Protein backbone atom coordinates (compact mmCIF):
# COMPACT_ATOMS: atom_id res chain seq x y z
CA MET A 1 77.52 71.12 103.24
CA SER A 2 79.34 69.72 100.17
CA ALA A 3 82.86 70.88 99.33
CA LYS A 4 81.69 72.51 96.10
CA SER A 5 78.97 74.53 97.82
CA ILE A 6 81.06 76.22 100.48
CA PRO A 7 82.04 79.80 99.61
CA ALA A 8 85.54 80.99 98.76
CA CYS A 9 86.67 83.71 101.17
CA ALA A 10 89.90 85.61 101.72
CA VAL A 11 91.46 87.07 104.84
CA LEU A 12 94.02 89.81 104.20
CA LEU A 13 96.62 90.31 106.90
CA ALA A 14 96.91 94.10 107.03
CA GLY A 15 98.30 94.92 110.45
CA GLY A 16 102.00 95.44 109.73
CA ARG A 17 103.81 98.72 110.31
CA GLY A 18 106.25 98.66 107.39
CA THR A 19 109.02 100.32 109.40
CA ARG A 20 111.57 99.92 106.60
CA PHE A 21 109.50 102.36 104.52
CA TRP A 22 109.88 105.24 106.94
CA PRO A 23 109.44 108.21 106.57
CA ARG A 24 106.48 107.52 104.25
CA SER A 25 105.23 104.62 106.36
CA ARG A 26 103.79 105.68 109.73
CA MET A 27 101.55 104.13 112.39
CA ARG A 28 98.32 105.23 110.69
CA THR A 29 99.58 104.92 107.12
CA PRO A 30 101.87 101.87 106.94
CA LYS A 31 103.25 100.26 103.81
CA GLN A 32 100.07 98.40 102.86
CA LEU A 33 98.10 101.67 102.81
CA LEU A 34 100.60 103.46 100.56
CA ASN A 35 101.04 103.45 96.79
CA ILE A 36 104.58 102.09 97.08
CA VAL A 37 104.44 100.65 93.55
CA GLY A 38 101.66 101.85 91.24
CA ASN A 39 98.88 104.39 91.76
CA GLN A 40 96.81 102.40 94.27
CA SER A 41 97.66 101.27 97.78
CA MET A 42 99.21 97.83 98.16
CA LEU A 43 96.09 96.73 100.06
CA ARG A 44 93.72 97.76 97.28
CA GLN A 45 95.90 96.10 94.66
CA THR A 46 95.85 92.89 96.71
CA ALA A 47 92.05 92.98 96.99
CA GLU A 48 91.49 93.70 93.31
CA ARG A 49 93.73 90.81 92.24
CA LEU A 50 91.25 88.44 93.89
CA HIS A 51 88.39 89.44 91.59
CA PRO A 52 86.44 87.49 90.36
CA LEU A 53 87.61 84.47 92.39
CA VAL A 54 86.58 86.00 95.71
CA ALA A 55 83.60 88.37 95.89
CA ALA A 56 83.97 91.60 97.87
CA ARG A 57 81.26 90.40 100.27
CA ASN A 58 83.54 87.43 101.11
CA LEU A 59 86.66 89.52 101.70
CA TRP A 60 87.90 90.12 105.24
CA ALA A 61 90.89 91.94 106.67
CA VAL A 62 92.67 91.74 110.02
CA THR A 63 94.42 94.94 111.08
CA ASN A 64 94.95 97.01 114.22
CA LEU A 65 92.99 99.78 115.90
CA GLU A 66 95.16 102.59 114.51
CA GLN A 67 94.73 101.49 110.90
CA ALA A 68 91.21 100.05 110.87
CA ALA A 69 89.41 103.17 109.63
CA GLN A 70 91.78 103.64 106.69
CA VAL A 71 91.65 99.93 105.82
CA ARG A 72 87.86 100.18 105.64
CA ARG A 73 88.13 103.15 103.27
CA GLU A 74 90.53 101.28 101.01
CA LEU A 75 88.42 98.12 100.68
CA HIS A 76 85.60 99.24 98.41
CA GLY A 77 82.50 97.05 98.61
CA VAL A 78 83.71 95.18 101.69
CA PRO A 79 81.32 95.47 104.66
CA ALA A 80 82.88 97.58 107.42
CA SER A 81 82.18 94.80 109.94
CA GLN A 82 84.55 92.53 107.99
CA VAL A 83 87.58 94.65 108.84
CA LEU A 84 88.64 93.14 112.17
CA ALA A 85 90.81 95.20 114.51
CA GLU A 86 93.13 93.36 116.89
CA PRO A 87 93.36 95.09 120.27
CA VAL A 88 97.03 94.05 120.36
CA GLY A 89 99.29 92.34 117.83
CA ARG A 90 99.73 88.60 118.42
CA ASN A 91 101.40 87.45 115.18
CA THR A 92 99.86 85.54 112.30
CA ALA A 93 98.47 82.43 114.06
CA ALA A 94 96.19 84.59 116.21
CA ALA A 95 95.26 86.95 113.36
CA ILE A 96 94.30 84.05 111.09
CA GLY A 97 92.42 82.45 113.97
CA LEU A 98 90.43 85.66 114.48
CA GLY A 99 89.47 85.66 110.81
CA ALA A 100 88.61 81.96 110.95
CA ILE A 101 86.15 82.24 113.84
CA HIS A 102 84.36 85.09 112.08
CA LEU A 103 84.13 83.09 108.85
CA ALA A 104 82.81 80.11 110.81
CA HIS A 105 80.18 82.34 112.40
CA GLU A 106 79.19 83.79 109.02
CA HIS A 107 79.25 80.67 106.83
CA GLY A 108 79.62 77.60 109.03
CA ASP A 109 82.55 76.57 106.85
CA ALA A 110 84.40 78.19 103.94
CA VAL A 111 87.50 77.85 101.81
CA MET A 112 89.85 80.37 103.33
CA ALA A 113 92.66 82.13 101.47
CA VAL A 114 95.12 83.88 103.81
CA LEU A 115 97.18 86.55 102.05
CA PRO A 116 99.57 89.33 103.05
CA ALA A 117 98.11 92.72 102.17
CA ASP A 118 101.37 94.20 100.90
CA SER A 119 102.86 91.85 98.29
CA TYR A 120 103.58 92.81 94.70
CA ILE A 121 102.53 90.53 91.83
CA ALA A 122 103.68 91.29 88.28
CA ASP A 123 101.80 88.53 86.40
CA VAL A 124 98.24 88.91 87.65
CA PRO A 125 96.58 86.50 85.15
CA ARG A 126 98.99 83.72 86.12
CA TYR A 127 98.51 84.55 89.79
CA ARG A 128 94.74 84.14 89.43
CA ALA A 129 95.24 80.77 87.73
CA VAL A 130 97.41 79.55 90.63
CA LEU A 131 94.93 81.00 93.12
CA ARG A 132 92.06 79.12 91.47
CA ALA A 133 94.01 75.87 91.70
CA ALA A 134 94.90 76.49 95.35
CA LEU A 135 91.29 77.24 96.31
CA ASP A 136 90.12 74.10 94.51
CA LEU A 137 92.72 71.90 96.24
CA ALA A 138 91.89 73.44 99.61
CA ARG A 139 88.22 72.44 99.27
CA THR A 140 89.17 68.89 100.22
CA GLU A 141 88.88 68.46 103.96
CA CYS A 142 92.21 68.19 105.82
CA ASN A 143 94.24 69.75 102.99
CA LEU A 144 96.65 72.54 103.88
CA VAL A 145 97.87 74.41 100.79
CA VAL A 146 100.62 77.01 100.45
CA LEU A 147 102.01 78.92 97.49
CA GLY A 148 105.76 78.70 96.95
CA ILE A 149 107.83 81.18 94.97
CA PRO A 150 110.55 79.67 92.75
CA PRO A 151 113.78 81.15 94.11
CA THR A 152 115.91 83.33 91.86
CA ARG A 153 118.85 83.81 94.22
CA PRO A 154 120.22 82.33 97.47
CA GLU A 155 118.03 84.56 99.65
CA THR A 156 118.62 84.48 103.41
CA GLY A 157 115.65 86.66 104.35
CA TYR A 158 112.87 84.17 103.54
CA GLY A 159 111.77 80.83 104.90
CA TYR A 160 111.87 77.91 102.47
CA ILE A 161 109.55 75.01 101.62
CA GLU A 162 111.10 71.67 100.66
CA HIS A 163 108.86 69.69 98.35
CA GLU A 164 108.69 66.16 97.01
CA LYS A 165 107.84 65.02 93.47
CA ALA A 166 104.88 66.54 91.65
CA LEU A 167 101.62 64.70 92.24
CA ALA A 168 99.15 66.11 89.76
CA ARG A 169 97.91 69.24 88.06
CA ALA A 170 94.94 71.30 89.19
CA HIS A 171 93.71 73.77 86.56
CA GLY A 172 97.05 73.36 84.80
CA VAL A 173 99.08 74.10 87.95
CA ARG A 174 101.46 71.52 89.42
CA ALA A 175 100.90 70.46 93.02
CA PHE A 176 103.69 69.02 95.18
CA ARG A 177 103.57 67.40 98.59
CA VAL A 178 105.45 69.40 101.20
CA LYS A 179 108.30 67.60 102.91
CA ARG A 180 109.12 70.32 105.43
CA PHE A 181 109.23 74.04 106.15
CA THR A 182 112.65 75.46 106.99
CA GLU A 183 113.82 78.62 108.72
CA LYS A 184 115.66 81.51 107.11
CA PRO A 185 119.01 79.89 106.21
CA GLU A 186 122.58 81.12 106.31
CA LEU A 187 124.03 81.95 102.90
CA PRO A 188 125.87 78.61 102.31
CA GLN A 189 122.67 76.68 103.06
CA ALA A 190 120.60 79.02 100.87
CA ARG A 191 122.99 78.29 97.99
CA LYS A 192 122.45 74.55 98.48
CA TYR A 193 118.68 75.03 98.52
CA LEU A 194 118.82 76.97 95.25
CA ALA A 195 121.07 74.40 93.56
CA SER A 196 118.91 71.43 94.61
CA GLY A 197 115.77 72.61 92.81
CA LYS A 198 113.67 71.17 95.65
CA TYR A 199 112.99 74.36 97.57
CA LEU A 200 110.60 77.28 97.16
CA TRP A 201 110.34 80.56 99.04
CA ASN A 202 107.53 80.75 101.59
CA ALA A 203 105.54 83.89 100.70
CA GLY A 204 102.97 83.45 103.49
CA MET A 205 100.00 82.64 101.21
CA PHE A 206 97.87 79.83 102.66
CA PHE A 207 94.64 78.06 101.70
CA TRP A 208 92.45 75.68 103.69
CA ARG A 209 88.92 75.12 104.89
CA VAL A 210 88.06 77.06 108.03
CA SER A 211 87.19 73.79 109.76
CA THR A 212 90.57 72.32 108.76
CA PHE A 213 92.52 75.27 110.11
CA LEU A 214 90.63 75.37 113.40
CA ALA A 215 91.11 71.62 113.85
CA ASN A 216 94.86 72.04 113.36
CA LEU A 217 94.93 75.03 115.69
CA GLU A 218 93.18 72.97 118.37
CA LYS A 219 95.73 70.20 117.86
CA PHE A 220 98.91 72.27 117.87
CA LEU A 221 97.94 75.44 119.77
CA PRO A 222 95.14 74.34 122.12
CA ARG A 223 95.26 77.33 124.53
CA THR A 224 94.89 79.83 121.70
CA HIS A 225 92.12 77.74 120.14
CA SER A 226 90.24 77.62 123.45
CA ALA A 227 90.56 81.39 123.90
CA LEU A 228 89.32 82.01 120.35
CA GLU A 229 86.33 79.76 121.01
CA GLU A 230 85.43 81.97 123.97
CA ILE A 231 85.61 85.05 121.75
CA ALA A 232 83.61 83.28 119.03
CA ARG A 233 80.67 82.71 121.34
CA THR A 234 80.16 86.49 121.61
CA ILE A 235 80.40 87.40 117.89
CA GLY A 236 77.32 89.37 116.89
CA THR A 237 76.49 90.34 120.48
CA ARG A 238 77.16 93.43 122.58
CA LYS A 239 79.62 91.39 124.64
CA TYR A 240 82.00 90.91 121.71
CA PRO A 241 84.14 94.12 121.95
CA ALA A 242 84.83 93.72 125.67
CA THR A 243 85.47 89.98 125.32
CA LEU A 244 87.91 90.58 122.48
CA ARG A 245 89.82 93.21 124.48
CA ARG A 246 89.95 90.95 127.54
CA ILE A 247 90.90 87.65 125.92
CA TYR A 248 92.88 88.48 122.77
CA PRO A 249 96.04 89.59 124.65
CA ARG A 250 96.18 86.08 126.15
CA LEU A 251 96.64 84.46 122.73
CA GLU A 252 100.10 83.06 122.04
CA ASN A 253 102.40 85.36 120.07
CA ILE A 254 103.56 82.98 117.33
CA SER A 255 103.50 82.77 113.55
CA VAL A 256 101.25 80.30 111.75
CA ASP A 257 104.38 78.73 110.23
CA PHE A 258 105.75 77.80 113.67
CA ALA A 259 102.36 77.09 115.24
CA VAL A 260 100.68 74.97 112.55
CA MET A 261 102.56 74.39 109.31
CA GLU A 262 105.86 73.10 110.68
CA PRO A 263 104.37 70.69 113.25
CA ALA A 264 101.81 69.50 110.70
CA THR A 265 104.60 68.25 108.43
CA ARG A 266 105.88 66.08 111.27
CA THR A 267 102.60 64.20 111.82
CA SER A 268 100.94 61.30 110.09
CA GLY A 269 98.69 63.78 108.25
CA ALA A 270 101.62 65.37 106.44
CA LYS A 271 100.46 63.85 103.14
CA SER A 272 97.68 66.45 103.08
CA ILE A 273 100.08 69.41 102.90
CA TYR A 274 100.66 70.75 99.40
CA VAL A 275 102.67 73.51 97.78
CA LEU A 276 101.88 75.10 94.41
CA PRO A 277 104.79 76.83 92.67
CA ALA A 278 103.77 80.39 91.80
CA LYS A 279 106.03 81.97 89.19
CA VAL A 280 104.06 85.21 89.17
CA GLY A 281 106.63 87.98 89.53
CA TRP A 282 106.20 88.11 93.30
CA SER A 283 108.02 90.49 95.61
CA ASP A 284 107.40 91.26 99.26
CA ILE A 285 108.87 94.73 98.55
CA GLY A 286 110.76 94.61 101.81
CA SER A 287 112.78 97.81 101.41
CA TRP A 288 113.30 100.95 99.33
CA ALA A 289 115.99 99.02 97.44
CA ALA A 290 113.36 96.46 96.41
CA VAL A 291 111.15 99.29 95.11
CA TYR A 292 114.06 100.57 93.03
CA GLU A 293 114.66 97.10 91.57
CA LEU A 294 111.00 96.83 90.54
CA LEU A 295 110.82 100.28 88.95
CA ALA A 296 114.23 100.63 87.31
CA PRO A 297 114.02 99.57 83.63
CA LYS A 298 117.68 98.52 83.80
CA PRO A 299 120.47 98.59 86.42
CA GLY A 300 122.01 102.00 86.90
CA THR A 301 118.92 103.96 85.88
CA ASN A 302 117.87 106.76 88.21
CA VAL A 303 114.26 106.41 89.44
CA SER A 304 112.39 109.49 90.63
CA ALA A 305 108.80 110.01 91.80
CA GLY A 306 108.94 113.67 90.72
CA ALA A 307 110.89 116.05 88.53
CA SER A 308 114.67 115.59 88.68
CA PHE A 309 117.94 116.35 86.93
CA THR A 310 121.17 114.44 87.40
CA ILE A 311 124.80 114.85 86.35
CA ASP A 312 127.15 111.88 86.58
CA ALA A 313 124.67 110.08 88.85
CA GLU A 314 123.27 106.59 88.51
CA GLY A 315 121.36 103.88 90.35
CA ASN A 316 119.55 106.34 92.64
CA PHE A 317 116.00 106.25 93.97
CA PHE A 318 114.36 109.60 94.73
CA TRP A 319 110.93 109.96 96.34
CA SER A 320 110.13 113.65 96.36
CA PRO A 321 106.95 114.14 94.31
CA LYS A 322 106.47 117.78 95.36
CA LYS A 323 110.04 119.05 95.08
CA PHE A 324 112.56 119.14 92.25
CA VAL A 325 115.58 116.90 92.90
CA ALA A 326 119.02 117.76 91.50
CA ALA A 327 121.83 115.25 92.02
CA ILE A 328 125.50 115.40 91.02
CA GLY A 329 128.03 112.61 91.27
CA VAL A 330 126.04 110.30 93.54
CA ARG A 331 125.40 106.62 93.04
CA ASP A 332 123.09 103.98 94.46
CA LEU A 333 121.40 106.28 96.97
CA VAL A 334 117.88 106.33 98.40
CA LEU A 335 116.33 109.74 99.08
CA VAL A 336 112.81 109.88 100.52
CA GLU A 337 111.25 113.23 101.45
CA THR A 338 108.01 113.90 103.32
CA ASP A 339 106.59 117.06 104.89
CA ASP A 340 108.40 116.48 108.19
CA ALA A 341 111.37 114.21 107.45
CA VAL A 342 114.06 113.30 104.93
CA LEU A 343 115.73 109.89 104.64
CA MET A 344 119.03 109.40 102.82
CA CYS A 345 121.03 106.18 102.74
CA PRO A 346 122.93 103.89 100.37
CA ARG A 347 120.57 101.54 98.57
CA ASP A 348 122.31 98.53 100.05
CA ARG A 349 121.64 99.84 103.58
CA SER A 350 117.90 100.40 103.10
CA GLN A 351 117.11 97.28 105.18
CA ASP A 352 118.42 99.25 108.17
CA VAL A 353 115.75 101.95 107.99
CA GLY A 354 113.76 100.08 110.64
CA LYS A 355 116.55 100.92 113.10
CA ILE A 356 115.67 104.59 112.72
CA VAL A 357 112.10 103.81 113.75
CA LYS A 358 113.34 101.93 116.83
CA TRP A 359 115.47 104.96 117.78
CA LEU A 360 112.48 107.29 117.33
CA GLU A 361 110.43 104.99 119.57
CA GLN A 362 113.12 105.00 122.24
CA LYS A 363 113.29 108.81 122.12
CA ARG A 364 109.45 108.96 122.18
CA LYS A 365 109.32 111.14 119.10
CA LYS A 366 105.71 110.23 118.43
CA GLU A 367 105.25 113.04 115.92
CA LEU A 368 107.63 111.18 113.58
CA LEU A 369 106.01 107.77 114.08
């Protein structure tokens, strides 16, 4: 099969819980299944951005058992069998591996885009142009391609990608060789990264041929590769569900960054690892504060999902679409109201909302999870 003839496919990673978006985000309706920004769910927005580069028939999603039915409803035109439910979460290396063995079974080989299901992209036309370039570069056997977000601040919550000089342009998009992947840095190091101009944020968007990924998985994570091969032999048979339940929990719990990308940069094949800068208005929308920053036309504006009235109040985010909100003399607050819960916190503490979910889990308050 020639490189040009293999199909372009996408695997959306849609199994996260989005705990920092409690109380809206719950086990069955996590962040990616909510209309956090815009009228459609984050998952549907992610899928529609891929059109026309990836056909719906070539779109796959990896999620969990609790969310699988809703994911299938959100992905219009995608065959139900292409929404894969993990019996237990095993991080991104395993999830991508599960998608890869299904693509191999379906197509033999394919160009595989791996994308988070819950990212926000402001400049969709530019995003599609970068996506086209990444898919084209990934058609070459052995190439591992990642999108990098040009940093706008010394962020300590993201991993970084250090790149070398630009090599060429693909469809008008610059491609750089990757020097190394780095962990989430402390603030002084993040400031150095930003000042150097040699680092990009790692947004978790990867591109490669299925055969290339599986070869790297066999090289760097052989036990997981072997277990996936055992599962792969049962795809399309009645043995598959039981085999998946039995073997999948044995897969190593590790991210694809640690399992494949980082060790790949330390081998002789590192010259085949590329990063494409993607200045596309990306956000991982990691908290209610991030939602406010996206929606507020200017700092200090109050943002409300429903009717509201404020006196001497600024910089607040209110999610209460069914109830009128009146606020006096408050600043920089988050208020999120659902049928059974209310969250209130300072905007700069919204990253801590996940701690509430941990407490609810410890207290076994399943009705609020």
